[in-house]
């Protein structure tokens, strides 16, 4: 899922984790280069014990990752 918030482009990816019985999510921020989106470092959603966060549905994983994106942008962690 692609999106834009405060003029910063981001990308949310959700992956099915068959062995863990759910979905994981990651997000990254993108910049434009020659009219092509260039993905920067991706951030995986993790639990406090450093294990991958697993969600029951694809939608739940997507929503959680998007909330993280918005917090990162709104709190000034990302500046482009």
C-alpha atoms as a PDB file:
ATOM      1  CA  UNK A   1       0.000   0.000   0.000  1.00  0.00           C
ATOM      2  CA  UNK A   2       1.387   3.386  -0.993  1.00  0.00           C
ATOM      3  CA  UNK A   3       0.475   6.627   0.672  1.00  0.00           C
ATOM      4  CA  UNK A   4       1.502  10.198   1.369  1.00  0.00           C
ATOM      5  CA  UNK A   5       1.383  12.117   4.643  1.00  0.00           C
ATOM      6  CA  UNK A   6       2.641  15.696   5.060  1.00  0.00           C
ATOM      7  CA  UNK A   7       4.206  15.461   1.580  1.00  0.00           C
ATOM      8  CA  UNK A   8       6.246  12.387   2.545  1.00  0.00           C
ATOM      9  CA  UNK A   9       5.639   9.224   0.514  1.00  0.00           C
ATOM     10  CA  UNK A  10       5.601   5.844   2.218  1.00  0.00           C
ATOM     11  CA  UNK A  11       5.109   2.198   1.366  1.00  0.00           C
ATOM     12  CA  UNK A  12       3.526  -0.436   3.624  1.00  0.00           C
ATOM     13  CA  UNK A  13       4.172  -4.111   2.856  1.00  0.00           C
ATOM     14  CA  UNK A  14       2.318  -7.021   4.441  1.00  0.00           C
ATOM     15  CA  UNK A  15       3.611 -10.587   4.218  1.00  0.00           C
ATOM     16  CA  UNK A  16       1.861 -13.829   5.080  1.00  0.00           C
ATOM     17  CA  UNK A  17       3.845 -15.791   7.670  1.00  0.00           C
ATOM     18  CA  UNK A  18       2.590 -19.351   7.179  1.00  0.00           C
ATOM     19  CA  UNK A  19       4.893 -20.796   9.833  1.00  0.00           C
ATOM     20  CA  UNK A  20       3.740 -18.238  12.417  1.00  0.00           C
ATOM     21  CA  UNK A  21       0.031 -18.340  11.556  1.00  0.00           C
ATOM     22  CA  UNK A  22      -0.545 -14.744  10.569  1.00  0.00           C
ATOM     23  CA  UNK A  23       0.811 -11.653   8.842  1.00  0.00           C
ATOM     24  CA  UNK A  24       3.803  -9.422   9.418  1.00  0.00           C
ATOM     25  CA  UNK A  25       4.213  -5.846   8.227  1.00  0.00           C
ATOM     26  CA  UNK A  26       6.972  -3.444   7.344  1.00  0.00           C
ATOM     27  CA  UNK A  27       7.083   0.124   6.145  1.00  0.00           C
ATOM     28  CA  UNK A  28       9.526   2.333   4.324  1.00  0.00           C
ATOM     29  CA  UNK A  29       9.710   5.844   3.024  1.00  0.00           C
ATOM     30  CA  UNK A  30      10.256   6.639  -0.621  1.00  0.00           C
ATOM     31  CA  UNK A  31      11.878   9.464  -2.537  1.00  0.00           C
ATOM     32  CA  UNK A  32      11.613  10.353  -6.221  1.00  0.00           C
ATOM     33  CA  UNK A  33      14.541   9.771  -8.563  1.00  0.00           C
ATOM     34  CA  UNK A  34      14.013  10.282 -12.290  1.00  0.00           C
ATOM     35  CA  UNK A  35      10.222   9.912 -11.830  1.00  0.00           C
ATOM     36  CA  UNK A  36      10.704   6.556 -10.091  1.00  0.00           C
ATOM     37  CA  UNK A  37      10.003   5.839  -6.422  1.00  0.00           C
ATOM     38  CA  UNK A  38      13.189   4.797  -4.632  1.00  0.00           C
ATOM     39  CA  UNK A  39      12.559   2.866  -1.432  1.00  0.00           C
ATOM     40  CA  UNK A  40      14.684   3.753   1.571  1.00  0.00           C
ATOM     41  CA  UNK A  41      15.426   1.449   4.540  1.00  0.00           C
ATOM     42  CA  UNK A  42      12.458  -0.725   5.551  1.00  0.00           C
ATOM     43  CA  UNK A  43      11.318  -1.005   9.169  1.00  0.00           C
ATOM     44  CA  UNK A  44       9.737  -4.248  10.379  1.00  0.00           C
ATOM     45  CA  UNK A  45       7.062  -4.096  13.083  1.00  0.00           C
ATOM     46  CA  UNK A  46       8.526  -5.804  16.149  1.00  0.00           C
ATOM     47  CA  UNK A  47       7.456  -6.653  19.675  1.00  0.00           C
ATOM     48  CA  UNK A  48       9.286  -5.301  22.714  1.00  0.00           C
ATOM     49  CA  UNK A  49      11.216  -8.590  22.979  1.00  0.00           C
ATOM     50  CA  UNK A  50      12.541  -8.042  19.405  1.00  0.00           C
ATOM     51  CA  UNK A  51      10.353 -10.770  17.889  1.00  0.00           C
ATOM     52  CA  UNK A  52       8.367 -10.052  14.719  1.00  0.00           C
ATOM     53  CA  UNK A  53       4.839  -8.771  15.362  1.00  0.00           C
ATOM     54  CA  UNK A  54       2.248 -11.191  13.970  1.00  0.00           C
ATOM     55  CA  UNK A  55      -1.295 -10.070  13.161  1.00  0.00           C
ATOM     56  CA  UNK A  56      -4.367 -12.226  12.625  1.00  0.00           C
ATOM     57  CA  UNK A  57      -5.417 -10.459   9.430  1.00  0.00           C
ATOM     58  CA  UNK A  58      -3.759  -8.642   6.566  1.00  0.00           C
ATOM     59  CA  UNK A  59      -5.900  -5.588   7.352  1.00  0.00           C
ATOM     60  CA  UNK A  60      -4.759  -5.488  10.998  1.00  0.00           C
ATOM     61  CA  UNK A  61      -1.109  -5.633   9.914  1.00  0.00           C
ATOM     62  CA  UNK A  62      -1.628  -2.875   7.357  1.00  0.00           C
ATOM     63  CA  UNK A  63      -3.401  -0.603   9.860  1.00  0.00           C
ATOM     64  CA  UNK A  64      -0.672  -1.095  12.479  1.00  0.00           C
ATOM     65  CA  UNK A  65       2.101  -0.293  10.006  1.00  0.00           C
ATOM     66  CA  UNK A  66       0.290   2.785   8.726  1.00  0.00           C
ATOM     67  CA  UNK A  67      -0.146   4.068  12.291  1.00  0.00           C
ATOM     68  CA  UNK A  68       3.607   3.680  12.827  1.00  0.00           C
ATOM     69  CA  UNK A  69       4.289   5.601   9.619  1.00  0.00           C
ATOM     70  CA  UNK A  70       2.078   8.495  10.705  1.00  0.00           C
ATOM     71  CA  UNK A  71       3.732   8.687  14.132  1.00  0.00           C
ATOM     72  CA  UNK A  72       7.224   8.662  12.565  1.00  0.00           C
ATOM     73  CA  UNK A  73       6.308  11.501  10.232  1.00  0.00           C
ATOM     74  CA  UNK A  74       4.311  13.571  12.738  1.00  0.00           C
ATOM     75  CA  UNK A  75       6.994  13.267  15.426  1.00  0.00           C
ATOM     76  CA  UNK A  76       9.726  14.400  13.014  1.00  0.00           C
ATOM     77  CA  UNK A  77      11.708  11.155  12.759  1.00  0.00           C
ATOM     78  CA  UNK A  78      11.531  11.400   8.959  1.00  0.00           C
ATOM     79  CA  UNK A  79      12.609  14.582   7.197  1.00  0.00           C
ATOM     80  CA  UNK A  80      12.743  14.766   3.394  1.00  0.00           C
END
